[in-house]
Amino acid sequence: MLLACKKEANTTGDASVTTSDSTKITKEDISKIHYIEYGIDSKAKETLNSWQAYNTISRAIEVSKDLDFTFFKLDEEVFNTTLTDIETTTPKAIDSEPIKARVLILRTKLLKFREIISLNTATKKEKLLALKELFQSFSYVTLLINKKFEKEAQNIIKIDSI
């Protein structure tokens, strides 16, 4: 009789685990996210290495690919400080309106992902979409920084025509 009770309890427990697992993101799910990932150009590397907020977010995104969402679940003050720093500590070499716009989009996607990952009612599809948008927005910031350095490296000579 005790065994039958124990067996029922396990069956009920397994059903609740199955329900909660349907919203859980796996590494396989993340590997199915398709977007263009831009690496840091060698010309931009030195500038970006000195930008602490960018590096913090870069690390958070890299570890999130391994299902580590610690950065997004940290103390709200630490998270908000990083968001403020990404906007206010932009190195002078890359401080331009287009990059500021991309950083603002990145900030928005960071906030959105943090909100969705913390909601118990968020579906797996919503979580994966928010994660994809976050990956894309970070990649676009990197692309724009690379383009800025590439454009500055070009020596374009203008000849005035008579």
N, C-alpha and C. Protein backbone atom coordinates (compact mmCIF):
# COMPACT_ATOMS: atom_id res chain seq x y z
N MET A 1 0.81 -1.19 0.00
CA MET A 1 0.00 0.00 0.00
C MET A 1 0.86 1.26 0.00
N LEU A 2 1.94 1.26 0.75
CA LEU A 2 2.83 2.40 0.77
C LEU A 2 3.49 2.61 -0.59
N LEU A 3 3.84 1.55 -1.24
CA LEU A 3 4.46 1.66 -2.55
C LEU A 3 3.51 2.29 -3.56
N ALA A 4 2.26 1.96 -3.48
CA ALA A 4 1.28 2.52 -4.42
C ALA A 4 1.14 4.03 -4.19
N CYS A 5 1.15 4.46 -2.95
CA CYS A 5 1.05 5.89 -2.65
C CYS A 5 2.28 6.62 -3.17
N LYS A 6 3.43 6.01 -2.94
CA LYS A 6 4.67 6.64 -3.38
C LYS A 6 4.71 6.75 -4.91
N LYS A 7 4.22 5.73 -5.57
CA LYS A 7 4.22 5.72 -7.03
C LYS A 7 3.32 6.83 -7.57
N GLU A 8 2.16 7.03 -6.95
CA GLU A 8 1.26 8.09 -7.38
C GLU A 8 1.90 9.46 -7.20
N ALA A 9 2.59 9.64 -6.09
CA ALA A 9 3.22 10.93 -5.81
C ALA A 9 4.26 11.24 -6.88
N ASN A 10 5.03 10.24 -7.28
CA ASN A 10 6.04 10.44 -8.32
C ASN A 10 5.41 10.78 -9.66
N THR A 11 4.30 10.12 -9.98
CA THR A 11 3.63 10.39 -11.25
C THR A 11 3.16 11.84 -11.30
N THR A 12 2.59 12.30 -10.20
CA THR A 12 2.13 13.69 -10.14
C THR A 12 3.31 14.65 -10.26
N GLY A 13 4.42 14.31 -9.57
CA GLY A 13 5.61 15.15 -9.63
C GLY A 13 6.18 15.21 -11.04
N ASP A 14 6.18 14.08 -11.74
CA ASP A 14 6.70 14.05 -13.10
C ASP A 14 5.87 14.91 -14.04
N ALA A 15 4.57 14.95 -13.84
CA ALA A 15 3.70 15.76 -14.70
C ALA A 15 4.02 17.24 -14.54
N SER A 16 4.28 17.66 -13.32
CA SER A 16 4.59 19.08 -13.11
C SER A 16 5.97 19.44 -13.69
N VAL A 17 6.90 18.49 -13.62
CA VAL A 17 8.22 18.72 -14.20
C VAL A 17 8.11 18.87 -15.72
N THR A 18 7.31 18.01 -16.34
CA THR A 18 7.11 18.07 -17.78
C THR A 18 6.51 19.41 -18.20
N THR A 19 5.56 19.89 -17.44
CA THR A 19 4.93 21.17 -17.75
C THR A 19 5.92 22.32 -17.68
N SER A 20 6.76 22.35 -16.63
CA SER A 20 7.71 23.45 -16.49
C SER A 20 8.85 23.33 -17.51
N ASP A 21 9.19 22.11 -17.92
CA ASP A 21 10.26 21.92 -18.89
C ASP A 21 9.88 22.42 -20.28
N SER A 22 8.60 22.57 -20.56
CA SER A 22 8.18 23.01 -21.89
C SER A 22 8.58 24.45 -22.16
N THR A 23 8.92 25.22 -21.13
CA THR A 23 9.36 26.61 -21.32
C THR A 23 10.87 26.75 -21.13
N LYS A 24 11.53 25.64 -20.80
CA LYS A 24 12.97 25.68 -20.55
C LYS A 24 13.74 25.70 -21.86
N ILE A 25 14.72 26.59 -21.95
CA ILE A 25 15.57 26.71 -23.13
C ILE A 25 16.73 25.72 -23.00
N THR A 26 17.04 25.05 -24.10
CA THR A 26 18.16 24.11 -24.12
C THR A 26 19.27 24.65 -25.03
N LYS A 27 20.44 24.03 -24.93
CA LYS A 27 21.54 24.42 -25.82
C LYS A 27 21.18 24.17 -27.28
N GLU A 28 20.42 23.13 -27.51
CA GLU A 28 19.97 22.82 -28.87
C GLU A 28 19.08 23.96 -29.40
N ASP A 29 18.20 24.48 -28.55
CA ASP A 29 17.35 25.60 -28.96
C ASP A 29 18.21 26.81 -29.34
N ILE A 30 19.21 27.08 -28.54
CA ILE A 30 20.09 28.23 -28.80
C ILE A 30 20.89 28.01 -30.09
N SER A 31 21.31 26.77 -30.32
CA SER A 31 22.07 26.50 -31.54
C SER A 31 21.22 26.68 -32.80
N LYS A 32 19.92 26.65 -32.66
CA LYS A 32 19.01 26.82 -33.80
C LYS A 32 18.72 28.30 -34.09
N ILE A 33 19.19 29.19 -33.23
CA ILE A 33 18.98 30.63 -33.46
C ILE A 33 19.92 31.06 -34.57
N HIS A 34 19.34 31.61 -35.64
CA HIS A 34 20.14 32.03 -36.78
C HIS A 34 20.21 33.55 -36.84
N TYR A 35 21.43 34.05 -36.86
CA TYR A 35 21.70 35.48 -37.01
C TYR A 35 23.15 35.61 -37.44
N ILE A 36 23.49 36.78 -37.95
CA ILE A 36 24.87 37.02 -38.37
C ILE A 36 25.63 37.59 -37.18
N GLU A 37 26.68 36.87 -36.80
CA GLU A 37 27.49 37.32 -35.67
C GLU A 37 28.77 37.95 -36.20
N TYR A 38 28.99 39.20 -35.81
CA TYR A 38 30.18 39.92 -36.25
C TYR A 38 31.22 39.92 -35.14
N GLY A 39 32.44 39.57 -35.51
CA GLY A 39 33.54 39.60 -34.56
C GLY A 39 34.16 40.99 -34.53
N ILE A 40 35.00 41.22 -33.56
CA ILE A 40 35.66 42.52 -33.40
C ILE A 40 36.84 42.60 -34.36
N ASP A 41 36.87 43.66 -35.15
CA ASP A 41 37.96 43.92 -36.07
C ASP A 41 39.22 44.24 -35.27
N SER A 42 40.37 43.90 -35.80
CA SER A 42 41.63 44.16 -35.07
C SER A 42 41.84 45.65 -34.81
N LYS A 43 41.33 46.50 -35.70
CA LYS A 43 41.48 47.95 -35.50
C LYS A 43 40.64 48.44 -34.33
N ALA A 44 39.54 47.76 -34.04
CA ALA A 44 38.63 48.18 -32.98
C ALA A 44 38.94 47.50 -31.65
N LYS A 45 39.76 46.48 -31.68
CA LYS A 45 40.01 45.66 -30.49
C LYS A 45 40.52 46.46 -29.29
N GLU A 46 41.49 47.32 -29.52
CA GLU A 46 42.07 48.09 -28.41
C GLU A 46 41.02 49.01 -27.77
N THR A 47 40.24 49.67 -28.60
CA THR A 47 39.21 50.57 -28.08
C THR A 47 38.16 49.79 -27.30
N LEU A 48 37.72 48.67 -27.84
CA LEU A 48 36.68 47.89 -27.17
C LEU A 48 37.19 47.19 -25.93
N ASN A 49 38.46 46.83 -25.89
CA ASN A 49 39.02 46.22 -24.68
C ASN A 49 38.98 47.17 -23.50
N SER A 50 39.05 48.47 -23.77
CA SER A 50 39.02 49.45 -22.69
C SER A 50 37.60 49.84 -22.27
N TRP A 51 36.60 49.41 -23.02
CA TRP A 51 35.21 49.76 -22.73
C TRP A 51 34.60 48.67 -21.84
N GLN A 52 34.63 48.88 -20.54
CA GLN A 52 34.23 47.88 -19.56
C GLN A 52 32.78 47.41 -19.73
N ALA A 53 31.86 48.33 -19.94
CA ALA A 53 30.45 47.96 -20.06
C ALA A 53 30.21 47.06 -21.27
N TYR A 54 30.85 47.37 -22.38
CA TYR A 54 30.74 46.54 -23.59
C TYR A 54 31.26 45.12 -23.30
N ASN A 55 32.39 45.03 -22.63
CA ASN A 55 32.98 43.73 -22.31
C ASN A 55 32.10 42.93 -21.35
N THR A 56 31.49 43.61 -20.40
CA THR A 56 30.59 42.93 -19.46
C THR A 56 29.40 42.33 -20.21
N ILE A 57 28.82 43.11 -21.10
CA ILE A 57 27.68 42.63 -21.87
C ILE A 57 28.12 41.52 -22.84
N SER A 58 29.28 41.67 -23.43
CA SER A 58 29.81 40.65 -24.33
C SER A 58 29.95 39.31 -23.60
N ARG A 59 30.51 39.34 -22.40
CA ARG A 59 30.66 38.11 -21.61
C ARG A 59 29.29 37.53 -21.26
N ALA A 60 28.35 38.39 -20.88
CA ALA A 60 27.01 37.92 -20.52
C ALA A 60 26.33 37.23 -21.70
N ILE A 61 26.53 37.78 -22.89
CA ILE A 61 25.93 37.18 -24.08
C ILE A 61 26.61 35.85 -24.42
N GLU A 62 27.93 35.80 -24.30
CA GLU A 62 28.65 34.56 -24.58
C GLU A 62 28.23 33.44 -23.64
N VAL A 63 28.12 33.73 -22.35
CA VAL A 63 27.75 32.67 -21.41
C VAL A 63 26.27 32.32 -21.52
N SER A 64 25.46 33.24 -22.02
CA SER A 64 24.04 32.92 -22.20
C SER A 64 23.86 31.87 -23.31
N LYS A 65 24.83 31.78 -24.20
CA LYS A 65 24.78 30.74 -25.23
C LYS A 65 24.97 29.36 -24.61
N ASP A 66 25.52 29.32 -23.39
CA ASP A 66 25.68 28.08 -22.63
C ASP A 66 24.65 27.97 -21.51
N LEU A 67 23.54 28.70 -21.67
CA LEU A 67 22.41 28.66 -20.74
C LEU A 67 22.71 29.30 -19.38
N ASP A 68 23.69 30.16 -19.31
CA ASP A 68 24.01 30.85 -18.06
C ASP A 68 23.45 32.27 -18.16
N PHE A 69 22.30 32.48 -17.52
CA PHE A 69 21.63 33.78 -17.57
C PHE A 69 21.84 34.57 -16.28
N THR A 70 22.92 34.30 -15.59
CA THR A 70 23.21 34.93 -14.31
C THR A 70 23.20 36.45 -14.40
N PHE A 71 23.81 37.00 -15.43
CA PHE A 71 23.88 38.46 -15.57
C PHE A 71 22.50 39.08 -15.58
N PHE A 72 21.54 38.41 -16.20
CA PHE A 72 20.19 38.94 -16.32
C PHE A 72 19.36 38.73 -15.06
N LYS A 73 19.87 37.90 -14.16
CA LYS A 73 19.16 37.64 -12.91
C LYS A 73 19.87 38.26 -11.71
N LEU A 74 20.94 39.00 -11.98
CA LEU A 74 21.71 39.65 -10.92
C LEU A 74 20.90 40.71 -10.21
N ASP A 75 21.53 41.25 -9.21
CA ASP A 75 20.98 42.37 -8.50
C ASP A 75 20.62 43.47 -9.51
N GLU A 76 19.46 44.04 -9.35
CA GLU A 76 18.97 45.05 -10.30
C GLU A 76 19.92 46.24 -10.41
N GLU A 77 20.57 46.61 -9.32
CA GLU A 77 21.49 47.75 -9.33
C GLU A 77 22.70 47.48 -10.23
N VAL A 78 23.25 46.28 -10.15
CA VAL A 78 24.41 45.91 -10.98
C VAL A 78 24.01 45.94 -12.46
N PHE A 79 22.87 45.36 -12.76
CA PHE A 79 22.38 45.32 -14.15
C PHE A 79 22.15 46.74 -14.67
N ASN A 80 21.46 47.56 -13.90
CA ASN A 80 21.16 48.93 -14.32
C ASN A 80 22.42 49.78 -14.45
N THR A 81 23.40 49.56 -13.59
CA THR A 81 24.66 50.29 -13.68
C THR A 81 25.36 49.96 -15.00
N THR A 82 25.34 48.69 -15.39
CA THR A 82 25.95 48.29 -16.66
C THR A 82 25.23 48.96 -17.82
N LEU A 83 23.90 49.02 -17.75
CA LEU A 83 23.12 49.66 -18.82
C LEU A 83 23.44 51.15 -18.90
N THR A 84 23.58 51.79 -17.78
CA THR A 84 23.92 53.21 -17.76
C THR A 84 25.32 53.41 -18.32
N ASP A 85 26.25 52.56 -17.90
CA ASP A 85 27.64 52.67 -18.34
C ASP A 85 27.80 52.45 -19.85
N ILE A 86 27.02 51.54 -20.42
CA ILE A 86 27.16 51.28 -21.86
C ILE A 86 26.80 52.53 -22.66
N GLU A 87 25.91 53.35 -22.13
CA GLU A 87 25.52 54.58 -22.82
C GLU A 87 26.42 55.77 -22.49
N THR A 88 26.92 55.82 -21.28
CA THR A 88 27.63 57.03 -20.84
C THR A 88 29.15 56.93 -20.93
N THR A 89 29.68 55.74 -21.09
CA THR A 89 31.14 55.60 -21.10
C THR A 89 31.69 55.20 -22.48
N THR A 90 30.95 55.53 -23.53
CA THR A 90 31.40 55.21 -24.88
C THR A 90 32.74 55.88 -25.15
N PRO A 91 33.74 55.12 -25.58
CA PRO A 91 35.05 55.71 -25.88
C PRO A 91 34.93 56.79 -26.97
N LYS A 92 35.72 57.84 -26.84
CA LYS A 92 35.67 58.96 -27.78
C LYS A 92 35.92 58.52 -29.22
N ALA A 93 36.75 57.53 -29.41
CA ALA A 93 37.09 57.08 -30.76
C ALA A 93 35.87 56.55 -31.53
N ILE A 94 34.85 56.11 -30.81
CA ILE A 94 33.66 55.55 -31.47
C ILE A 94 32.39 56.28 -31.09
N ASP A 95 32.52 57.38 -30.42
CA ASP A 95 31.34 58.13 -29.97
C ASP A 95 30.71 58.87 -31.15
N SER A 96 29.65 58.30 -31.69
CA SER A 96 28.94 58.92 -32.81
C SER A 96 27.45 58.63 -32.66
N GLU A 97 26.64 59.38 -33.35
CA GLU A 97 25.19 59.20 -33.26
C GLU A 97 24.72 57.81 -33.71
N PRO A 98 25.22 57.28 -34.83
CA PRO A 98 24.77 55.93 -35.22
C PRO A 98 25.12 54.86 -34.18
N ILE A 99 26.28 54.97 -33.58
CA ILE A 99 26.66 53.98 -32.55
C ILE A 99 25.82 54.18 -31.30
N LYS A 100 25.55 55.42 -30.93
CA LYS A 100 24.67 55.68 -29.79
C LYS A 100 23.28 55.09 -30.02
N ALA A 101 22.78 55.19 -31.25
CA ALA A 101 21.47 54.63 -31.58
C ALA A 101 21.48 53.11 -31.43
N ARG A 102 22.53 52.47 -31.92
CA ARG A 102 22.64 51.01 -31.80
C ARG A 102 22.79 50.57 -30.33
N VAL A 103 23.51 51.36 -29.56
CA VAL A 103 23.66 51.06 -28.13
C VAL A 103 22.31 51.18 -27.42
N LEU A 104 21.53 52.17 -27.82
CA LEU A 104 20.20 52.34 -27.24
C LEU A 104 19.31 51.13 -27.56
N ILE A 105 19.40 50.64 -28.79
CA ILE A 105 18.65 49.44 -29.17
C ILE A 105 19.12 48.25 -28.35
N LEU A 106 20.44 48.11 -28.18
CA LEU A 106 21.00 47.03 -27.37
C LEU A 106 20.48 47.11 -25.94
N ARG A 107 20.47 48.30 -25.39
CA ARG A 107 19.97 48.51 -24.03
C ARG A 107 18.51 48.05 -23.91
N THR A 108 17.71 48.41 -24.91
CA THR A 108 16.30 48.01 -24.92
C THR A 108 16.16 46.49 -24.97
N LYS A 109 16.96 45.84 -25.79
CA LYS A 109 16.89 44.38 -25.93
C LYS A 109 17.39 43.68 -24.66
N LEU A 110 18.37 44.28 -23.99
CA LEU A 110 18.83 43.72 -22.71
C LEU A 110 17.70 43.77 -21.68
N LEU A 111 17.02 44.91 -21.62
CA LEU A 111 15.90 45.06 -20.68
C LEU A 111 14.77 44.09 -21.02
N LYS A 112 14.47 43.96 -22.29
CA LYS A 112 13.39 43.07 -22.73
C LYS A 112 13.72 41.62 -22.37
N PHE A 113 14.95 41.20 -22.66
CA PHE A 113 15.32 39.81 -22.36
C PHE A 113 15.28 39.56 -20.86
N ARG A 114 15.77 40.51 -20.09
CA ARG A 114 15.75 40.34 -18.64
C ARG A 114 14.33 40.18 -18.13
N GLU A 115 13.42 40.97 -18.66
CA GLU A 115 12.03 40.89 -18.24
C GLU A 115 11.42 39.55 -18.62
N ILE A 116 11.64 39.12 -19.85
CA ILE A 116 11.05 37.86 -20.32
C ILE A 116 11.63 36.66 -19.59
N ILE A 117 12.92 36.67 -19.35
CA ILE A 117 13.56 35.51 -18.70
C ILE A 117 13.10 35.39 -17.24
N SER A 118 12.68 36.50 -16.65
CA SER A 118 12.24 36.45 -15.25
C SER A 118 10.76 36.15 -15.10
N LEU A 119 10.00 36.22 -16.19
CA LEU A 119 8.57 35.93 -16.12
C LEU A 119 8.32 34.43 -16.10
N ASN A 120 7.49 33.99 -15.20
CA ASN A 120 7.13 32.57 -15.15
C ASN A 120 6.15 32.22 -16.26
N THR A 121 5.45 33.22 -16.78
CA THR A 121 4.44 32.97 -17.81
C THR A 121 4.98 33.06 -19.23
N ALA A 122 6.26 33.42 -19.39
CA ALA A 122 6.84 33.55 -20.73
C ALA A 122 6.99 32.17 -21.37
N THR A 123 6.64 32.10 -22.62
CA THR A 123 6.77 30.84 -23.35
C THR A 123 8.19 30.67 -23.86
N LYS A 124 8.50 29.46 -24.24
CA LYS A 124 9.82 29.16 -24.79
C LYS A 124 10.06 29.99 -26.06
N LYS A 125 9.04 30.11 -26.88
CA LYS A 125 9.14 30.87 -28.13
C LYS A 125 9.46 32.34 -27.83
N GLU A 126 8.81 32.92 -26.84
CA GLU A 126 9.07 34.32 -26.47
C GLU A 126 10.49 34.50 -25.96
N LYS A 127 10.94 33.55 -25.15
CA LYS A 127 12.31 33.62 -24.63
C LYS A 127 13.34 33.53 -25.74
N LEU A 128 13.14 32.60 -26.67
CA LEU A 128 14.08 32.43 -27.77
C LEU A 128 14.08 33.64 -28.71
N LEU A 129 12.91 34.22 -28.95
CA LEU A 129 12.83 35.40 -29.79
C LEU A 129 13.56 36.58 -29.14
N ALA A 130 13.35 36.76 -27.85
CA ALA A 130 14.04 37.84 -27.13
C ALA A 130 15.55 37.62 -27.12
N LEU A 131 15.96 36.37 -26.99
CA LEU A 131 17.39 36.04 -27.01
C LEU A 131 17.98 36.31 -28.39
N LYS A 132 17.28 35.94 -29.44
CA LYS A 132 17.74 36.21 -30.80
C LYS A 132 17.88 37.71 -31.04
N GLU A 133 16.89 38.49 -30.60
CA GLU A 133 16.94 39.94 -30.76
C GLU A 133 18.14 40.53 -30.00
N LEU A 134 18.42 39.98 -28.83
CA LEU A 134 19.57 40.43 -28.05
C LEU A 134 20.87 40.13 -28.78
N PHE A 135 21.02 38.90 -29.27
CA PHE A 135 22.22 38.52 -30.02
C PHE A 135 22.41 39.43 -31.23
N GLN A 136 21.33 39.67 -31.97
CA GLN A 136 21.40 40.50 -33.17
C GLN A 136 21.79 41.93 -32.82
N SER A 137 21.18 42.50 -31.80
CA SER A 137 21.46 43.90 -31.46
C SER A 137 22.91 44.08 -31.02
N PHE A 138 23.45 43.12 -30.27
CA PHE A 138 24.85 43.20 -29.86
C PHE A 138 25.76 43.07 -31.08
N SER A 139 25.42 42.17 -31.97
CA SER A 139 26.21 41.96 -33.17
C SER A 139 26.21 43.22 -34.05
N TYR A 140 25.09 43.91 -34.12
CA TYR A 140 25.01 45.13 -34.92
C TYR A 140 25.82 46.27 -34.31
N VAL A 141 25.90 46.33 -33.00
CA VAL A 141 26.77 47.33 -32.35
C VAL A 141 28.21 47.07 -32.78
N THR A 142 28.63 45.82 -32.70
CA THR A 142 29.99 45.45 -33.10
C THR A 142 30.23 45.77 -34.57
N LEU A 143 29.28 45.45 -35.42
CA LEU A 143 29.41 45.74 -36.85
C LEU A 143 29.60 47.24 -37.10
N LEU A 144 28.80 48.05 -36.45
CA LEU A 144 28.89 49.50 -36.65
C LEU A 144 30.22 50.06 -36.17
N ILE A 145 30.72 49.53 -35.07
CA ILE A 145 32.03 49.95 -34.56
C ILE A 145 33.11 49.56 -35.57
N ASN A 146 33.03 48.34 -36.08
CA ASN A 146 33.99 47.89 -37.09
C ASN A 146 33.96 48.80 -38.32
N LYS A 147 32.76 49.14 -38.77
CA LYS A 147 32.61 50.01 -39.94
C LYS A 147 33.22 51.39 -39.70
N LYS A 148 33.05 51.90 -38.48
CA LYS A 148 33.61 53.22 -38.16
C LYS A 148 35.13 53.19 -38.30
N PHE A 149 35.77 52.17 -37.75
CA PHE A 149 37.21 52.06 -37.85
C PHE A 149 37.65 51.82 -39.29
N GLU A 150 36.89 51.05 -40.03
CA GLU A 150 37.22 50.78 -41.42
C GLU A 150 37.15 52.06 -42.25
N LYS A 151 36.11 52.83 -42.03
CA LYS A 151 35.95 54.08 -42.78
C LYS A 151 37.06 55.07 -42.45
N GLU A 152 37.42 55.15 -41.18
CA GLU A 152 38.49 56.06 -40.77
C GLU A 152 39.84 55.64 -41.32
N ALA A 153 40.00 54.35 -41.58
CA ALA A 153 41.28 53.84 -42.10
C ALA A 153 41.43 54.12 -43.60
N GLN A 154 40.35 54.41 -44.26
CA GLN A 154 40.42 54.70 -45.69
C GLN A 154 40.98 56.10 -45.90
N ASN A 155 41.92 56.20 -46.77
CA ASN A 155 42.50 57.50 -47.13
C ASN A 155 41.89 57.93 -48.45
N ILE A 156 40.83 58.68 -48.35
CA ILE A 156 40.15 59.14 -49.54
C ILE A 156 40.63 60.55 -49.86
N ILE A 157 41.14 60.68 -51.05
CA ILE A 157 41.67 61.99 -51.47
C ILE A 157 40.64 62.62 -52.39
N LYS A 158 40.23 63.80 -52.03
CA LYS A 158 39.26 64.53 -52.86
C LYS A 158 40.02 65.52 -53.73
N ILE A 159 39.69 65.48 -54.98
CA ILE A 159 40.31 66.43 -55.91
C ILE A 159 39.21 67.38 -56.38
N ASP A 160 39.46 68.65 -56.17
CA ASP A 160 38.50 69.65 -56.61
C ASP A 160 38.61 69.80 -58.11
N SER A 161 37.49 69.69 -58.76
CA SER A 161 37.51 69.89 -60.22
C SER A 161 37.32 71.37 -60.54
N ILE A 162 37.87 71.75 -61.62
CA ILE A 162 37.83 73.18 -62.01
C ILE A 162 36.61 73.48 -62.80
